[in-house]
Amino acid sequence: MLKKLQTVLWRQHFELQVDAKALIEMINSASLPNAPMTRWVAFIQLFSFDLGHKPGKTFTMPDGLSRRPQSEDEEKEKSEFDEEEEWIKPHPIFGVKHNNIIKLAGIKLP
C-alpha cells in the first residue's frame, strides 16, 4: 500500500496501523534475516510514520478492502505498473535498483 500511495505520503507524517505484531518487531529490529527483507524495511523507513498495532478482529476495513475483487481497469493498471519497472535503470552512483526509491530520492536518470 505504501508503494501505491507514496506520492501522497512522501514528506507527510502519518500513523501506520498493522494487525501483525511480528511486523512491528521486524521493522524495529537491528538485524534482518536476508537482503530482500532488508531492502523492504529500508523502503518503509523512507517514510515518516508512527507504527501501531491493531488486533485483527478489530481491523475489518483494510482486511475487507484487500480481499475485494479487482476490476479489469485495476488489473490493467497493475500490469502496466509492473512493466514500467523493468526498463528503469539504476543510478550508477548509488546503485539503486528500485524505481520507487529513485523517484523518492528525486534522482533524474539519463
N, C-alpha and C. Protein backbone atom coordinates (compact mmCIF):
# COMPACT_ATOMS: atom_id res chain seq x y z
N MET A 1 0.82 -1.18 0.00
CA MET A 1 0.00 0.00 0.00
C MET A 1 0.87 1.26 0.00
N LEU A 2 2.02 1.20 0.68
CA LEU A 2 2.91 2.37 0.69
C LEU A 2 3.40 2.71 -0.71
N LYS A 3 3.68 1.67 -1.51
CA LYS A 3 4.13 1.91 -2.88
C LYS A 3 3.08 2.68 -3.67
N LYS A 4 1.85 2.25 -3.53
CA LYS A 4 0.77 2.85 -4.30
C LYS A 4 0.50 4.30 -3.87
N LEU A 5 0.67 4.58 -2.58
CA LEU A 5 0.37 5.91 -2.05
C LEU A 5 1.62 6.76 -1.79
N GLN A 6 2.76 6.34 -2.29
CA GLN A 6 4.00 7.02 -1.93
C GLN A 6 4.02 8.49 -2.30
N THR A 7 3.43 8.88 -3.42
CA THR A 7 3.46 10.29 -3.81
C THR A 7 2.61 11.14 -2.87
N VAL A 8 1.58 10.55 -2.30
CA VAL A 8 0.72 11.27 -1.35
C VAL A 8 1.38 11.32 0.03
N LEU A 9 2.00 10.22 0.43
CA LEU A 9 2.56 10.11 1.78
C LEU A 9 3.96 10.70 1.93
N TRP A 10 4.66 10.89 0.83
CA TRP A 10 6.02 11.40 0.91
C TRP A 10 6.02 12.77 1.57
N ARG A 11 6.88 12.97 2.55
CA ARG A 11 7.02 14.20 3.33
C ARG A 11 5.82 14.49 4.22
N GLN A 12 4.99 13.51 4.48
CA GLN A 12 3.86 13.63 5.40
C GLN A 12 4.09 12.66 6.55
N HIS A 13 3.81 13.12 7.77
CA HIS A 13 3.89 12.21 8.91
C HIS A 13 2.51 11.56 9.05
N PHE A 14 2.46 10.24 9.20
CA PHE A 14 1.19 9.54 9.31
C PHE A 14 1.31 8.39 10.29
N GLU A 15 0.16 7.81 10.64
CA GLU A 15 0.13 6.65 11.52
C GLU A 15 -0.15 5.42 10.69
N LEU A 16 0.70 4.43 10.82
CA LEU A 16 0.54 3.16 10.10
C LEU A 16 0.12 2.11 11.10
N GLN A 17 -1.08 1.58 10.95
CA GLN A 17 -1.57 0.54 11.85
C GLN A 17 -1.54 -0.79 11.14
N VAL A 18 -1.02 -1.79 11.83
CA VAL A 18 -0.94 -3.14 11.27
C VAL A 18 -1.52 -4.12 12.27
N ASP A 19 -1.95 -5.28 11.77
CA ASP A 19 -2.52 -6.29 12.66
C ASP A 19 -1.53 -7.42 12.96
N ALA A 20 -0.27 -7.21 12.65
CA ALA A 20 0.75 -8.23 12.89
C ALA A 20 1.85 -7.67 13.79
N LYS A 21 1.89 -8.14 15.02
CA LYS A 21 2.92 -7.67 15.95
C LYS A 21 4.32 -8.04 15.45
N ALA A 22 4.43 -9.17 14.79
CA ALA A 22 5.73 -9.61 14.27
C ALA A 22 6.29 -8.60 13.27
N LEU A 23 5.42 -7.97 12.50
CA LEU A 23 5.85 -6.97 11.53
C LEU A 23 6.47 -5.77 12.24
N ILE A 24 5.86 -5.34 13.33
CA ILE A 24 6.39 -4.22 14.11
C ILE A 24 7.78 -4.56 14.63
N GLU A 25 7.91 -5.76 15.17
CA GLU A 25 9.21 -6.19 15.70
C GLU A 25 10.26 -6.26 14.59
N MET A 26 9.85 -6.73 13.42
CA MET A 26 10.78 -6.86 12.30
C MET A 26 11.26 -5.48 11.84
N ILE A 27 10.35 -4.52 11.72
CA ILE A 27 10.71 -3.18 11.27
C ILE A 27 11.64 -2.51 12.27
N ASN A 28 11.41 -2.76 13.55
CA ASN A 28 12.23 -2.14 14.60
C ASN A 28 13.50 -2.93 14.92
N SER A 29 13.69 -4.08 14.29
CA SER A 29 14.84 -4.94 14.58
C SER A 29 16.13 -4.37 13.98
N ALA A 30 17.21 -4.57 14.71
CA ALA A 30 18.52 -4.12 14.22
C ALA A 30 19.09 -5.09 13.19
N SER A 31 18.70 -6.36 13.26
CA SER A 31 19.22 -7.34 12.31
C SER A 31 18.06 -8.02 11.58
N LEU A 32 18.22 -8.14 10.28
CA LEU A 32 17.20 -8.77 9.45
C LEU A 32 17.80 -10.01 8.79
N PRO A 33 16.98 -11.04 8.54
CA PRO A 33 17.50 -12.33 8.08
C PRO A 33 18.05 -12.38 6.66
N ASN A 34 17.57 -11.51 5.76
CA ASN A 34 18.04 -11.62 4.38
C ASN A 34 17.97 -10.28 3.64
N ALA A 35 18.58 -10.21 2.49
CA ALA A 35 18.68 -8.97 1.72
C ALA A 35 17.33 -8.44 1.25
N PRO A 36 16.41 -9.27 0.72
CA PRO A 36 15.12 -8.73 0.29
C PRO A 36 14.35 -8.07 1.44
N MET A 37 14.40 -8.68 2.60
CA MET A 37 13.70 -8.11 3.74
C MET A 37 14.37 -6.80 4.18
N THR A 38 15.68 -6.75 4.10
CA THR A 38 16.41 -5.53 4.45
C THR A 38 16.03 -4.40 3.50
N ARG A 39 15.93 -4.69 2.19
CA ARG A 39 15.52 -3.67 1.21
C ARG A 39 14.09 -3.22 1.47
N TRP A 40 13.22 -4.16 1.80
CA TRP A 40 11.82 -3.85 2.06
C TRP A 40 11.70 -2.92 3.27
N VAL A 41 12.39 -3.23 4.35
CA VAL A 41 12.35 -2.39 5.55
C VAL A 41 13.00 -1.03 5.26
N ALA A 42 14.06 -1.00 4.47
CA ALA A 42 14.70 0.27 4.11
C ALA A 42 13.73 1.16 3.34
N PHE A 43 12.94 0.57 2.44
CA PHE A 43 11.93 1.34 1.70
C PHE A 43 10.89 1.91 2.65
N ILE A 44 10.40 1.10 3.57
CA ILE A 44 9.39 1.55 4.52
C ILE A 44 9.93 2.69 5.38
N GLN A 45 11.19 2.61 5.76
CA GLN A 45 11.77 3.62 6.64
C GLN A 45 12.06 4.94 5.94
N LEU A 46 11.83 5.02 4.63
CA LEU A 46 11.94 6.30 3.93
C LEU A 46 10.79 7.24 4.31
N PHE A 47 9.72 6.68 4.84
CA PHE A 47 8.55 7.45 5.22
C PHE A 47 8.62 7.87 6.68
N SER A 48 7.89 8.94 7.02
CA SER A 48 7.82 9.41 8.40
C SER A 48 6.48 8.95 8.98
N PHE A 49 6.52 8.00 9.91
CA PHE A 49 5.27 7.46 10.44
C PHE A 49 5.45 6.92 11.85
N ASP A 50 4.33 6.80 12.55
CA ASP A 50 4.27 6.10 13.83
C ASP A 50 3.62 4.76 13.54
N LEU A 51 4.22 3.70 14.04
CA LEU A 51 3.74 2.35 13.79
C LEU A 51 2.95 1.86 14.99
N GLY A 52 1.73 1.40 14.74
CA GLY A 52 0.89 0.91 15.83
C GLY A 52 0.29 -0.44 15.51
N HIS A 53 -0.07 -1.16 16.57
CA HIS A 53 -0.70 -2.47 16.41
C HIS A 53 -2.19 -2.35 16.68
N LYS A 54 -2.98 -2.96 15.81
CA LYS A 54 -4.43 -3.04 16.00
C LYS A 54 -4.79 -4.50 15.78
N PRO A 55 -5.39 -5.16 16.78
CA PRO A 55 -5.72 -6.58 16.63
C PRO A 55 -6.58 -6.85 15.39
N GLY A 56 -6.32 -7.97 14.74
CA GLY A 56 -7.03 -8.33 13.51
C GLY A 56 -8.54 -8.36 13.63
N LYS A 57 -9.05 -8.74 14.79
CA LYS A 57 -10.50 -8.81 14.98
C LYS A 57 -11.16 -7.44 14.88
N THR A 58 -10.42 -6.39 15.21
CA THR A 58 -10.99 -5.03 15.15
C THR A 58 -10.53 -4.28 13.91
N PHE A 59 -9.81 -4.93 13.04
CA PHE A 59 -9.20 -4.31 11.87
C PHE A 59 -9.91 -4.79 10.60
N THR A 60 -11.22 -4.70 10.56
CA THR A 60 -12.00 -5.31 9.48
C THR A 60 -11.97 -4.54 8.17
N MET A 61 -11.90 -3.22 8.21
CA MET A 61 -11.97 -2.43 6.97
C MET A 61 -10.81 -2.73 6.01
N PRO A 62 -9.55 -2.60 6.41
CA PRO A 62 -8.47 -2.90 5.46
C PRO A 62 -8.49 -4.35 4.99
N ASP A 63 -8.86 -5.25 5.89
CA ASP A 63 -8.90 -6.66 5.52
C ASP A 63 -9.93 -6.89 4.41
N GLY A 64 -11.08 -6.28 4.54
CA GLY A 64 -12.11 -6.40 3.52
C GLY A 64 -11.68 -5.79 2.20
N LEU A 65 -11.01 -4.65 2.25
CA LEU A 65 -10.54 -4.00 1.03
C LEU A 65 -9.50 -4.84 0.30
N SER A 66 -8.64 -5.50 1.05
CA SER A 66 -7.60 -6.30 0.40
C SER A 66 -8.16 -7.56 -0.24
N ARG A 67 -9.34 -7.96 0.17
CA ARG A 67 -9.93 -9.19 -0.37
C ARG A 67 -10.99 -8.94 -1.45
N ARG A 68 -11.29 -7.69 -1.73
CA ARG A 68 -12.33 -7.42 -2.72
C ARG A 68 -11.82 -7.75 -4.12
N PRO A 69 -12.71 -8.18 -4.99
CA PRO A 69 -12.29 -8.49 -6.37
C PRO A 69 -11.85 -7.21 -7.09
N GLN A 70 -10.85 -7.31 -7.93
CA GLN A 70 -10.37 -6.15 -8.67
C GLN A 70 -11.07 -6.06 -10.02
N SER A 71 -11.29 -4.81 -10.45
CA SER A 71 -11.90 -4.59 -11.75
C SER A 71 -10.86 -4.81 -12.84
N GLU A 72 -11.31 -4.88 -14.09
CA GLU A 72 -10.38 -5.06 -15.21
C GLU A 72 -9.43 -3.87 -15.33
N ASP A 73 -9.93 -2.65 -15.05
CA ASP A 73 -9.08 -1.46 -15.11
C ASP A 73 -7.95 -1.53 -14.08
N GLU A 74 -8.27 -2.01 -12.88
CA GLU A 74 -7.26 -2.12 -11.83
C GLU A 74 -6.21 -3.17 -12.20
N GLU A 75 -6.65 -4.27 -12.78
CA GLU A 75 -5.72 -5.31 -13.21
C GLU A 75 -4.78 -4.78 -14.29
N LYS A 76 -5.34 -4.03 -15.25
CA LYS A 76 -4.53 -3.46 -16.33
C LYS A 76 -3.53 -2.45 -15.76
N GLU A 77 -4.00 -1.61 -14.84
CA GLU A 77 -3.12 -0.61 -14.22
C GLU A 77 -1.98 -1.28 -13.48
N LYS A 78 -2.28 -2.36 -12.77
CA LYS A 78 -1.26 -3.09 -12.02
C LYS A 78 -0.21 -3.67 -12.97
N SER A 79 -0.65 -4.27 -14.07
CA SER A 79 0.30 -4.88 -15.00
C SER A 79 1.15 -3.80 -15.68
N GLU A 80 0.56 -2.64 -15.98
CA GLU A 80 1.33 -1.55 -16.58
C GLU A 80 2.38 -1.04 -15.61
N PHE A 81 2.04 -0.97 -14.33
CA PHE A 81 2.99 -0.52 -13.31
C PHE A 81 4.16 -1.48 -13.24
N ASP A 82 3.88 -2.77 -13.25
CA ASP A 82 4.94 -3.77 -13.18
C ASP A 82 5.85 -3.71 -14.41
N GLU A 83 5.26 -3.50 -15.59
CA GLU A 83 6.04 -3.42 -16.82
C GLU A 83 6.96 -2.20 -16.80
N GLU A 84 6.47 -1.09 -16.23
CA GLU A 84 7.25 0.14 -16.20
C GLU A 84 8.58 -0.06 -15.46
N GLU A 85 8.56 -0.83 -14.39
CA GLU A 85 9.76 -1.01 -13.59
C GLU A 85 10.87 -1.76 -14.33
N GLU A 86 10.52 -2.56 -15.30
CA GLU A 86 11.51 -3.39 -15.98
C GLU A 86 12.52 -2.56 -16.79
N TRP A 87 12.13 -1.43 -17.33
CA TRP A 87 13.03 -0.68 -18.19
C TRP A 87 13.79 0.42 -17.46
N ILE A 88 13.48 0.68 -16.22
CA ILE A 88 14.15 1.75 -15.48
C ILE A 88 15.53 1.29 -15.04
N LYS A 89 16.53 2.09 -15.34
CA LYS A 89 17.91 1.73 -15.00
C LYS A 89 18.29 2.39 -13.67
N PRO A 90 19.09 1.71 -12.86
CA PRO A 90 19.52 2.31 -11.60
C PRO A 90 20.53 3.43 -11.82
N HIS A 91 20.57 4.36 -10.90
CA HIS A 91 21.55 5.43 -10.95
C HIS A 91 22.92 4.84 -10.66
N PRO A 92 23.92 5.08 -11.49
CA PRO A 92 25.22 4.41 -11.34
C PRO A 92 25.95 4.75 -10.04
N ILE A 93 25.76 5.93 -9.50
CA ILE A 93 26.48 6.32 -8.29
C ILE A 93 25.94 5.58 -7.07
N PHE A 94 24.62 5.53 -6.94
CA PHE A 94 24.01 4.97 -5.75
C PHE A 94 23.69 3.49 -5.87
N GLY A 95 23.63 2.97 -7.09
CA GLY A 95 23.32 1.56 -7.27
C GLY A 95 21.89 1.23 -6.86
N VAL A 96 21.00 2.20 -6.96
CA VAL A 96 19.61 1.98 -6.57
C VAL A 96 18.96 1.06 -7.58
N LYS A 97 18.25 0.04 -7.10
CA LYS A 97 17.66 -0.93 -8.01
C LYS A 97 16.15 -0.81 -8.11
N HIS A 98 15.54 0.06 -7.35
CA HIS A 98 14.09 0.10 -7.35
C HIS A 98 13.57 1.44 -7.82
N ASN A 99 12.67 1.42 -8.76
CA ASN A 99 12.07 2.60 -9.36
C ASN A 99 11.55 3.57 -8.30
N ASN A 100 10.85 3.07 -7.30
CA ASN A 100 10.23 3.94 -6.32
C ASN A 100 11.26 4.68 -5.48
N ILE A 101 12.35 4.06 -5.15
CA ILE A 101 13.38 4.73 -4.37
C ILE A 101 14.02 5.83 -5.22
N ILE A 102 14.18 5.57 -6.51
CA ILE A 102 14.73 6.59 -7.41
C ILE A 102 13.80 7.79 -7.43
N LYS A 103 12.50 7.55 -7.56
CA LYS A 103 11.53 8.64 -7.57
C LYS A 103 11.57 9.41 -6.25
N LEU A 104 11.59 8.70 -5.13
CA LEU A 104 11.58 9.34 -3.82
C LEU A 104 12.84 10.17 -3.60
N ALA A 105 13.96 9.71 -4.12
CA ALA A 105 15.22 10.43 -3.93
C ALA A 105 15.33 11.62 -4.87
N GLY A 106 14.43 11.73 -5.84
CA GLY A 106 14.45 12.84 -6.78
C GLY A 106 15.58 12.76 -7.78
N ILE A 107 16.05 11.57 -8.05
CA ILE A 107 17.17 11.37 -8.97
C ILE A 107 16.64 11.34 -10.40
N LYS A 108 17.27 12.11 -11.28
CA LYS A 108 16.88 12.09 -12.69
C LYS A 108 17.82 11.16 -13.43
N LEU A 109 17.24 10.22 -14.12
CA LEU A 109 18.05 9.24 -14.86
C LEU A 109 18.38 9.75 -16.25
N PRO A 110 19.56 9.38 -16.74
CA PRO A 110 19.95 9.81 -18.10
C PRO A 110 19.10 9.13 -19.15
